[in-house]
Protein backbone atom coordinates (compact mmCIF):
# COMPACT_ATOMS: atom_id res chain seq x y z
CA MET A 1 45.48 40.79 157.14
CA ALA A 2 49.27 40.58 157.42
CA HIS A 3 49.42 37.47 155.18
CA ASP A 4 51.75 35.76 157.65
CA ARG A 5 49.45 32.82 158.47
CA HIS A 6 48.67 29.67 156.55
CA TYR A 7 45.17 28.36 155.94
CA LEU A 8 45.29 24.82 157.32
CA THR A 9 42.61 22.55 158.78
CA GLY A 10 40.11 25.38 158.53
CA GLN A 11 42.26 27.68 160.69
CA TRP A 12 44.71 30.53 160.25
CA LEU A 13 47.95 29.19 161.68
CA LYS A 14 51.36 30.75 162.03
CA GLY A 15 54.07 28.57 160.58
CA GLU A 16 56.45 26.62 162.76
CA GLY A 17 59.28 26.51 160.22
CA GLU A 18 62.00 28.92 159.17
CA LEU A 19 61.38 32.58 158.41
CA LEU A 20 60.64 33.57 154.81
CA GLN A 21 61.09 37.15 153.66
CA VAL A 22 59.11 38.27 150.61
CA ASP A 23 60.32 41.27 148.65
CA ASN A 24 58.97 43.58 145.98
CA PRO A 25 61.11 42.75 142.92
CA ALA A 26 60.80 46.31 141.61
CA THR A 27 62.20 47.93 144.76
CA GLU A 28 63.88 45.06 146.67
CA GLU A 29 61.92 46.21 149.72
CA ILE A 30 60.85 43.46 152.14
CA ILE A 31 57.05 43.54 152.11
CA ALA A 32 56.23 40.52 154.25
CA GLU A 33 57.74 38.03 156.66
CA LEU A 34 56.21 34.69 157.53
CA LYS A 35 57.33 31.47 159.08
CA LEU A 36 56.92 28.55 156.72
CA ALA A 37 54.61 25.68 157.60
CA SER A 38 56.36 22.82 159.34
CA GLU A 39 56.32 19.16 158.37
CA ALA A 40 54.07 18.39 161.35
CA GLN A 41 51.57 21.03 160.24
CA ILE A 42 51.50 19.67 156.70
CA LEU A 43 50.99 16.11 157.90
CA GLN A 44 47.99 17.34 159.88
CA ALA A 45 46.75 19.05 156.72
CA VAL A 46 47.01 15.81 154.76
CA HIS A 47 44.97 14.00 157.40
CA ALA A 48 42.33 16.74 157.32
CA ALA A 49 42.20 16.65 153.52
CA GLN A 50 41.91 12.88 153.51
CA GLN A 51 39.02 12.95 155.96
CA ALA A 52 37.24 15.79 154.18
CA GLN A 53 37.52 14.12 150.78
CA LYS A 54 35.24 11.29 151.79
CA SER A 55 32.24 13.55 152.36
CA TRP A 56 33.20 16.11 149.68
CA SER A 57 33.21 13.47 146.95
CA GLN A 58 29.80 12.21 148.09
CA LEU A 59 28.17 15.57 147.50
CA ALA A 60 26.19 15.85 144.30
CA SER A 61 28.39 17.51 141.71
CA TYR A 62 26.02 20.48 141.44
CA GLU A 63 26.48 21.03 145.18
CA ARG A 64 30.24 21.18 144.73
CA ALA A 65 29.62 23.61 141.86
CA ALA A 66 27.63 25.87 144.18
CA TYR A 67 30.71 26.25 146.39
CA LEU A 68 32.84 27.12 143.35
CA HIS A 69 30.36 29.74 142.18
CA LYS A 70 30.37 31.24 145.66
CA LEU A 71 34.17 31.25 145.61
CA ALA A 72 34.10 33.09 142.27
CA ASP A 73 31.70 35.64 143.77
CA PHE A 74 34.05 36.38 146.66
CA LEU A 75 37.06 36.47 144.33
CA LEU A 76 35.40 39.25 142.37
CA LEU A 77 34.49 41.10 145.55
CA GLY A 78 38.05 40.80 146.82
CA ALA A 79 39.84 41.26 143.49
CA GLU A 80 41.26 44.68 144.34
CA GLN A 81 42.58 43.56 147.73
CA ILE A 82 44.11 40.33 146.40
CA GLY A 83 45.41 42.19 143.36
CA ALA A 84 47.19 44.76 145.50
CA VAL A 85 49.04 42.01 147.34
CA LEU A 86 49.86 40.22 144.08
CA ALA A 87 51.17 43.39 142.44
CA SER A 88 53.52 44.20 145.32
CA GLU A 89 55.14 40.73 145.43
CA SER A 90 55.26 40.00 141.69
CA GLY A 91 56.17 43.31 140.04
CA LYS A 92 52.92 43.49 138.07
CA SER A 93 50.85 46.60 137.62
CA LEU A 94 47.84 46.87 139.89
CA ALA A 95 45.51 46.66 136.89
CA ASP A 96 47.14 43.47 135.60
CA ALA A 97 47.10 41.87 139.04
CA ILE A 98 43.41 42.66 139.57
CA ALA A 99 42.65 41.36 136.08
CA GLU A 100 44.42 38.10 136.94
CA VAL A 101 42.17 37.60 139.96
CA ARG A 102 39.07 38.30 137.88
CA TYR A 103 40.22 35.91 135.16
CA GLY A 104 40.78 33.32 137.85
CA ALA A 105 37.16 33.79 138.91
CA GLU A 106 36.13 33.09 135.30
CA ILE A 107 37.98 29.78 135.11
CA THR A 108 36.52 28.84 138.49
CA ARG A 109 33.02 29.34 137.07
CA TYR A 110 33.96 27.49 133.89
CA HIS A 111 34.84 24.37 135.83
CA ALA A 112 31.82 24.73 138.09
CA GLU A 113 29.69 24.47 134.96
CA TRP A 114 31.12 21.00 134.28
CA SER A 115 29.20 19.67 137.28
CA ARG A 116 26.48 18.06 135.16
CA ARG A 117 28.78 17.16 132.26
CA ILE A 118 31.32 14.80 133.80
CA GLU A 119 30.59 11.66 131.83
CA GLY A 120 31.48 8.00 132.00
CA GLU A 121 30.93 5.45 129.26
CA VAL A 122 28.77 2.43 128.53
CA ILE A 123 30.79 -0.14 126.58
CA PRO A 124 29.33 -3.24 124.89
CA SER A 125 30.35 -6.52 126.49
CA ASP A 126 31.05 -9.76 124.68
CA SER A 127 28.18 -11.22 126.68
CA PRO A 128 24.58 -10.35 125.71
CA THR A 129 23.62 -10.29 129.40
CA GLU A 130 26.31 -7.88 130.53
CA GLN A 131 27.15 -4.20 130.23
CA LEU A 132 30.49 -2.59 130.91
CA LEU A 133 30.29 0.73 132.75
CA LEU A 134 33.30 3.04 132.86
CA LEU A 135 32.99 5.51 135.73
CA ARG A 136 35.01 8.64 136.47
CA GLU A 137 36.09 8.91 140.10
CA PRO A 138 38.23 11.41 142.07
CA LEU A 139 41.83 10.60 142.89
CA GLY A 140 41.63 11.73 146.52
CA VAL A 141 43.90 14.50 147.78
CA ALA A 142 45.42 16.72 145.10
CA VAL A 143 48.66 18.61 145.70
CA CYS A 144 48.86 21.74 143.55
CA LEU A 145 52.29 23.35 143.18
CA ILE A 146 52.02 26.91 141.91
CA PRO A 147 54.62 29.06 140.09
CA PHE A 148 55.39 32.72 140.77
CA ASN A 149 54.51 34.17 137.37
CA TYR A 150 50.71 33.86 137.41
CA PRO A 151 50.18 32.60 140.95
CA ILE A 152 46.48 33.40 141.35
CA TYR A 153 45.31 32.26 137.94
CA THR A 154 47.39 29.06 138.01
CA LEU A 155 46.16 28.25 141.51
CA LEU A 156 42.52 28.48 140.43
CA ARG A 157 43.28 26.73 137.14
CA LYS A 158 44.23 23.65 139.18
CA LEU A 159 41.97 24.11 142.20
CA ALA A 160 38.64 24.36 140.35
CA PRO A 161 38.88 21.15 138.25
CA ALA A 162 40.26 19.22 141.22
CA LEU A 163 37.33 20.26 143.38
CA ILE A 164 34.53 19.78 140.86
CA THR A 165 35.66 16.19 140.29
CA GLY A 166 35.51 15.43 144.02
CA ASN A 167 39.09 15.83 145.21
CA THR A 168 40.31 17.91 148.13
CA VAL A 169 43.32 20.18 147.59
CA ILE A 170 46.50 21.25 149.33
CA VAL A 171 48.14 24.23 147.62
CA ARG A 172 51.80 25.13 147.87
CA PRO A 173 52.37 28.60 146.35
CA SER A 174 55.77 29.78 145.20
CA ASN A 175 57.89 31.19 148.01
CA HIS A 176 58.38 34.27 145.81
CA THR A 177 54.63 35.01 145.79
CA PRO A 178 52.99 33.33 148.82
CA CYS A 179 51.08 36.34 150.14
CA SER A 180 48.58 36.59 147.28
CA ALA A 181 47.70 32.90 147.74
CA LEU A 182 47.12 33.49 151.45
CA ALA A 183 44.99 36.52 150.58
CA LEU A 184 43.00 34.28 148.23
CA ALA A 185 42.51 31.84 151.12
CA GLN A 186 40.32 34.46 152.75
CA THR A 187 37.81 34.01 149.93
CA VAL A 188 37.91 30.26 150.52
CA GLU A 189 36.92 30.89 154.13
CA GLN A 190 34.20 33.34 153.06
CA ALA A 191 32.77 30.83 150.59
CA GLY A 192 32.25 28.39 153.46
CA PHE A 193 34.07 25.34 152.12
CA PRO A 194 34.04 22.43 154.58
CA THR A 195 37.14 22.11 156.75
CA GLY A 196 40.00 20.40 154.94
CA VAL A 197 38.63 20.73 151.40
CA ILE A 198 41.05 23.56 150.50
CA GLN A 199 44.28 24.26 152.38
CA ILE A 200 46.98 26.74 151.38
CA ALA A 201 50.43 26.93 152.93
CA ALA A 202 53.94 28.06 152.04
CA MET A 203 56.66 25.53 152.86
CA ASN A 204 60.27 24.69 152.13
CA HIS A 205 61.42 22.05 149.66
CA ALA A 206 61.92 19.35 152.28
CA THR A 207 58.39 19.74 153.63
CA CYS A 208 57.02 19.80 150.10
CA GLU A 209 58.83 16.53 149.43
CA THR A 210 57.24 14.97 152.51
CA LEU A 211 53.84 16.13 151.28
CA CYS A 212 54.34 14.76 147.76
CA ARG A 213 55.61 11.39 148.96
CA HIS A 214 52.65 10.86 151.32
CA ALA A 215 50.54 7.78 150.66
CA ALA A 216 47.29 9.79 150.82
CA ILE A 217 48.17 11.97 147.82
CA GLY A 218 46.31 11.00 144.65
CA ILE A 219 47.82 13.47 142.20
CA ILE A 220 50.58 16.08 142.12
CA SER A 221 49.91 18.90 139.68
CA LEU A 222 52.89 21.15 138.98
CA THR A 223 53.53 24.15 136.79
CA GLY A 224 57.25 24.81 136.86
CA SER A 225 60.65 24.15 135.34
CA VAL A 226 61.94 20.92 133.82
CA GLU A 227 64.17 20.43 136.85
CA ALA A 228 61.19 20.86 139.17
CA GLY A 229 59.33 18.30 137.07
CA ARG A 230 62.16 15.82 137.50
CA GLN A 231 62.00 16.30 141.27
CA ILE A 232 58.24 15.68 141.28
CA LEU A 233 58.65 12.55 139.18
CA ASP A 234 61.17 11.33 141.72
CA TYR A 235 58.77 12.05 144.59
CA SER A 236 55.94 10.31 142.76
CA LYS A 237 57.88 7.04 142.57
CA THR A 238 57.43 6.43 146.29
CA GLN A 239 53.68 5.79 146.09
CA ILE A 240 53.33 5.61 142.27
CA THR A 241 51.38 8.86 142.48
CA LYS A 242 49.81 10.32 139.36
CA VAL A 243 51.43 13.53 138.12
CA SER A 244 50.37 16.34 135.81
CA LEU A 245 53.35 18.46 134.79
CA GLU A 246 53.48 21.68 132.79
CA LEU A 247 57.19 22.34 132.48
CA GLY A 248 57.65 25.41 130.38
CA GLY A 249 58.63 25.93 126.80
CA LYS A 250 60.69 27.69 124.18
CA THR A 251 57.98 28.95 121.83
CA PRO A 252 59.10 29.28 118.20
CA ALA A 253 57.42 31.81 115.92
CA ILE A 254 57.68 31.20 112.17
CA VAL A 255 57.14 34.37 110.12
CA ALA A 256 56.39 33.63 106.45
CA ASP A 257 57.10 35.98 103.57
CA ASP A 258 53.39 36.78 103.14
CA ALA A 259 52.83 37.72 106.80
CA ASP A 260 51.73 41.13 108.03
CA LEU A 261 55.18 41.99 109.35
CA LEU A 262 54.16 44.93 111.54
CA ALA A 263 51.37 42.94 113.18
CA ALA A 264 53.70 39.98 113.66
CA ALA A 265 56.49 42.08 115.17
CA THR A 266 54.08 43.86 117.51
CA ALA A 267 52.54 40.59 118.70
CA ILE A 268 55.91 38.90 119.17
CA VAL A 269 57.41 41.74 121.18
CA ASN A 270 54.29 42.02 123.33
CA SER A 271 54.50 38.28 123.97
CA LYS A 272 58.19 38.42 124.85
CA THR A 273 57.98 41.43 127.17
CA THR A 274 54.74 40.66 129.01
CA HIS A 275 55.65 40.18 132.69
CA CYS A 276 59.29 40.65 131.67
CA GLY A 277 59.18 37.46 129.59
CA GLN A 278 58.28 35.29 132.59
CA LEU A 279 55.65 33.31 130.72
CA CYS A 280 56.08 29.70 129.61
CA THR A 281 54.39 30.32 126.26
CA ALA A 282 56.17 33.61 125.49
CA VAL A 283 57.80 33.67 122.06
CA GLU A 284 61.53 33.01 122.47
CA ARG A 285 62.76 32.02 118.99
CA VAL A 286 61.74 33.84 115.80
CA TYR A 287 62.38 32.27 112.40
CA VAL A 288 61.82 34.74 109.56
CA HIS A 289 61.72 33.96 105.83
CA HIS A 290 64.96 35.25 104.30
CA ALA A 291 63.11 37.48 101.80
CA VAL A 292 61.57 39.58 104.59
CA TYR A 293 64.20 39.09 107.27
CA PRO A 294 65.80 42.57 106.92
CA GLN A 295 62.43 44.33 107.26
CA MET A 296 61.38 42.14 110.17
CA LEU A 297 64.65 42.75 111.99
CA VAL A 298 64.12 46.51 111.74
CA LEU A 299 60.56 46.21 113.09
CA LEU A 300 61.63 43.97 115.97
CA ARG A 301 64.51 46.28 116.84
CA LYS A 302 62.22 49.30 116.87
CA ALA A 303 59.55 47.60 119.00
CA MET A 304 62.07 46.21 121.50
CA THR A 305 63.82 49.58 121.80
CA ALA A 306 60.51 51.23 122.62
CA ARG A 307 59.84 48.78 125.46
CA ARG A 308 61.09 50.46 128.62
CA PHE A 309 61.23 49.01 132.12
CA ALA A 310 60.10 50.58 135.38
CA ASN A 311 58.23 49.95 138.61
CA ARG A 312 54.75 49.15 137.26
CA LEU A 313 53.04 50.38 140.40
CA GLU A 314 54.28 53.81 139.30
CA GLN A 315 54.37 53.34 135.51
CA PRO A 316 51.78 50.67 134.62
CA GLN A 317 52.56 50.68 130.89
CA ALA A 318 56.22 49.85 131.42
CA MET A 319 57.80 46.40 131.51
CA GLY A 320 58.27 45.22 135.07
CA PRO A 321 61.12 43.37 136.80
CA LEU A 322 62.26 39.79 136.90
CA ILE A 323 61.24 37.94 140.05
CA SER A 324 64.61 37.79 141.79
CA LYS A 325 68.26 38.81 141.79
CA ALA A 326 69.16 35.25 140.78
CA ALA A 327 66.90 35.51 137.74
CA GLN A 328 68.46 38.84 136.78
CA THR A 329 71.99 37.43 137.12
CA ARG A 330 71.11 34.31 135.10
CA THR A 331 69.50 36.41 132.35
CA HIS A 332 72.57 38.58 131.90
CA ALA A 333 74.84 35.53 131.89
CA LEU A 334 72.77 33.97 129.08
CA VAL A 335 73.14 37.13 127.00
CA GLN A 336 76.87 37.43 127.64
CA ALA A 337 77.44 33.78 126.73
CA ALA A 338 75.53 34.27 123.47
CA LEU A 339 77.58 37.34 122.57
CA ALA A 340 80.79 35.46 123.32
CA ALA A 341 79.61 32.70 120.98
CA GLY A 342 79.04 35.13 118.11
CA ALA A 343 75.52 36.53 118.55
CA VAL A 344 74.88 40.23 117.89
CA CYS A 345 72.97 42.32 120.41
CA GLU A 346 70.59 44.54 118.47
CA VAL A 347 68.93 46.05 121.56
CA GLY A 348 69.43 45.80 125.32
CA GLY A 349 71.86 43.35 126.87
CA VAL A 350 73.03 45.74 129.58
CA LEU A 351 72.69 44.93 133.28
CA PRO A 352 70.87 47.91 134.81
CA ALA A 353 72.18 49.77 137.82
CA GLY A 354 70.00 50.71 140.76
CA GLN A 355 67.29 49.01 142.76
CA GLY A 356 65.02 46.32 141.37
CA TYR A 357 65.58 43.14 139.38
CA PHE A 358 65.09 44.77 135.99
CA TYR A 359 66.50 43.72 132.65
CA PRO A 360 66.02 45.53 129.34
CA ALA A 361 64.19 44.08 126.37
CA THR A 362 67.00 42.33 124.51
CA LEU A 363 67.08 41.30 120.85
CA LEU A 364 69.79 38.94 119.61
CA SER A 365 70.52 38.25 115.95
CA GLN A 366 73.12 36.04 114.22
CA VAL A 367 72.29 33.33 116.72
CA ASP A 368 73.01 29.65 116.24
CA PRO A 369 70.66 26.84 117.29
CA SER A 370 73.41 25.32 119.43
CA MET A 371 73.72 28.36 121.69
CA THR A 372 72.45 27.99 125.25
CA VAL A 373 70.20 31.01 124.77
CA MET A 374 68.51 29.10 121.93
CA GLN A 375 68.29 25.82 123.83
CA ASP A 376 67.28 26.81 127.37
CA GLU A 377 64.08 28.54 128.39
CA THR A 378 65.15 32.07 129.26
CA PHE A 379 62.02 33.14 131.18
CA ALA A 380 63.25 36.66 130.53
CA PRO A 381 62.87 39.45 127.92
CA ILE A 382 65.42 37.91 125.53
CA LEU A 383 64.28 37.41 121.93
CA CYS A 384 66.39 35.53 119.38
CA VAL A 385 65.83 35.95 115.63
CA MET A 386 67.29 34.17 112.61
CA PRO A 387 66.38 33.72 108.91
CA TYR A 388 65.22 30.55 107.19
CA GLN A 389 65.19 29.56 103.52
CA ASP A 390 62.00 27.53 103.19
CA LEU A 391 59.26 25.96 105.32
CA ASP A 392 61.14 22.66 105.54
CA GLN A 393 64.03 24.42 107.24
CA ALA A 394 61.73 26.48 109.46
CA LEU A 395 59.98 23.34 110.72
CA ALA A 396 63.30 21.60 111.27
CA LEU A 397 64.59 24.52 113.33
CA ALA A 398 61.37 24.86 115.31
CA ASN A 399 61.24 21.12 116.07
CA ASP A 400 64.93 20.61 116.82
CA HIS A 401 64.40 21.24 120.48
CA GLN A 402 63.80 19.64 123.89
CA TYR A 403 60.59 21.63 124.46
CA GLY A 404 57.18 21.38 122.82
CA LEU A 405 54.62 23.55 124.56
CA ALA A 406 53.39 26.34 122.28
CA SER A 407 54.25 27.43 118.75
CA VAL A 408 53.26 30.31 116.45
CA LEU A 409 52.91 30.74 112.68
CA PHE A 410 52.37 34.01 110.86
CA THR A 411 51.07 33.37 107.33
CA ASN A 412 47.91 33.63 105.24
CA ARG A 413 48.57 30.52 103.14
CA TYR A 414 46.22 27.79 104.29
CA LYS A 415 48.40 25.04 102.85
CA ASP A 416 51.32 26.19 105.00
CA VAL A 417 49.00 26.42 108.01
CA MET A 418 47.87 22.83 107.57
CA ARG A 419 51.40 21.60 106.98
CA VAL A 420 52.70 23.21 110.16
CA ALA A 421 49.59 22.11 112.06
CA THR A 422 50.38 18.48 111.21
CA GLN A 423 54.16 18.63 111.62
CA ILE A 424 54.97 21.03 114.47
CA GLU A 425 56.12 19.18 117.58
CA ALA A 426 54.19 21.17 120.16
CA GLY A 427 50.99 20.87 122.13
CA GLU A 428 49.65 24.19 120.82
CA LEU A 429 49.83 26.10 117.53
CA TYR A 430 48.59 29.69 117.22
CA ILE A 431 47.99 31.16 113.76
CA ASN A 432 48.61 34.91 113.28
CA ARG A 433 48.49 35.46 117.03
CA THR A 434 50.61 34.66 120.06
CA PRO A 435 49.67 32.20 122.83
CA ALA A 436 46.97 33.07 125.36
CA ASP A 437 45.89 29.70 126.86
CA PRO A 438 42.11 29.71 126.28
CA TYR A 439 40.71 27.95 129.33
CA GLN A 440 38.22 25.92 127.29
CA GLY A 441 41.10 24.46 125.26
CA TYR A 442 43.82 22.12 126.49
CA HIS A 443 47.22 23.40 127.59
CA ALA A 444 49.55 20.43 127.31
CA GLY A 445 53.16 20.05 126.25
CA TRP A 446 55.12 17.57 124.20
CA LYS A 447 58.66 16.35 124.91
CA LYS A 448 60.13 17.92 128.08
CA SER A 449 57.32 20.46 128.28
CA GLY A 450 55.37 18.08 130.45
CA LEU A 451 52.96 15.24 131.08
CA GLY A 452 49.21 15.72 131.15
CA GLY A 453 47.90 19.27 131.01
CA ASP A 454 45.52 21.97 132.16
CA ASP A 455 42.26 23.53 130.98
CA GLY A 456 39.07 22.37 129.32
CA LYS A 457 37.48 18.96 129.58
CA HIS A 458 40.79 17.12 129.32
CA GLY A 459 42.46 19.24 132.00
CA MET A 460 39.54 18.52 134.31
CA LEU A 461 39.75 14.78 133.64
CA GLU A 462 43.39 14.82 134.75
CA PHE A 463 41.98 14.89 138.28
CA THR A 464 40.00 11.67 137.80
CA GLN A 465 40.63 7.96 137.59
CA THR A 466 38.43 5.30 136.02
CA ARG A 467 36.57 2.36 137.45
CA MET A 468 35.21 -0.28 135.09
CA VAL A 469 32.12 -2.15 136.30
CA ALA A 470 31.10 -5.39 134.58
CA LEU A 471 27.37 -5.54 135.21
CA ASN A 472 26.00 -9.03 134.61
CA PHE A 473 22.19 -9.13 134.48
CA ALA A 474 21.66 -12.76 133.45
């Protein structure tokens, strides 16, 4: 399949909008061309989704689960083919891309297994001849807006809970990585979902706005930037549509004086350089106790120096590219601004020559909390490190920020663990490890990191609304 057609109304349709060129960020080679879906096509998709939702929601939940299990089966069968497409448009290694598809199959099965566990409540009434029933109902048509960094996993992370709770779904993948989503749509067709239950199409921002403002949309689920979240909130005002927003982060890692410094440095650098730092929970700020700061700086410098970049289809163990030229340019500008403000570049910081949107693993010391590189999410392999005097200061530095998604603490003192666990201003805290988003947990941010969340029971319930029934039996 050329991946130049959208999966809409149960058909493979060529877009009627402008031409989109998709490149390989490691080589800058154009790997696909497709016309984006038009507004008229998307409006037809909304109608189809609205009609399909009526019968889809009336299926027994275990019947919906059967479709999800079948989808997971076909995802595993097609993992290598989907992974190959994903690797070429994202800069990932083939092994990592295939693993992402397989992990997506796992979260699909996880949500399928909720089919007999979606519970309401029975609440005592003030009347002895009445019971209050609180029911969980679907929202209708869910719009799922997918980022470029983990486009297959994030798609399934939203799709599966939306479907098991009785919603139909329209997916808009990132225009950087649309082809893997269209390849995944083949498994949707193979699994035999009813027409209109799942639709996947690439579109421009104006068409996406039309989709999000439509009266038939029950929820908009986005993983993206803060600015993208603001746009979605604006769209949602038209119909007072529910939103679930995961808007990135600026993960702080606090390294105590009793930590295993080598283990901490290794974990932090792996976190920061995975997918070239294009991960919302990647460690970005490292606060190290002053007594061990010199040793930790040496370990971080050594580990970052050893992290080389290359085309991962040729060198799978290397760090891959950023997603675009714009991302590469922005990354270098952040580093240069930090250096001009007084930061010291311990490693990296040089804009590479040649093809591909690469950027070296970059370690900055002598940073100040007011610097842009410390305030804005870099989404790049830039790591900032500074010392702290005591845990009070470390918490103040970690919390003095607009984001609150994930956080990390390296220590073996349980009292410090409990203190940070009750005072860190973030939706997640990882002890002696870096973030990994366990899908049975709940991935939700504080502050500007979002509203609502993904994963687990609570992520699934994001796709529901409640109905209270006052049952009088007098």
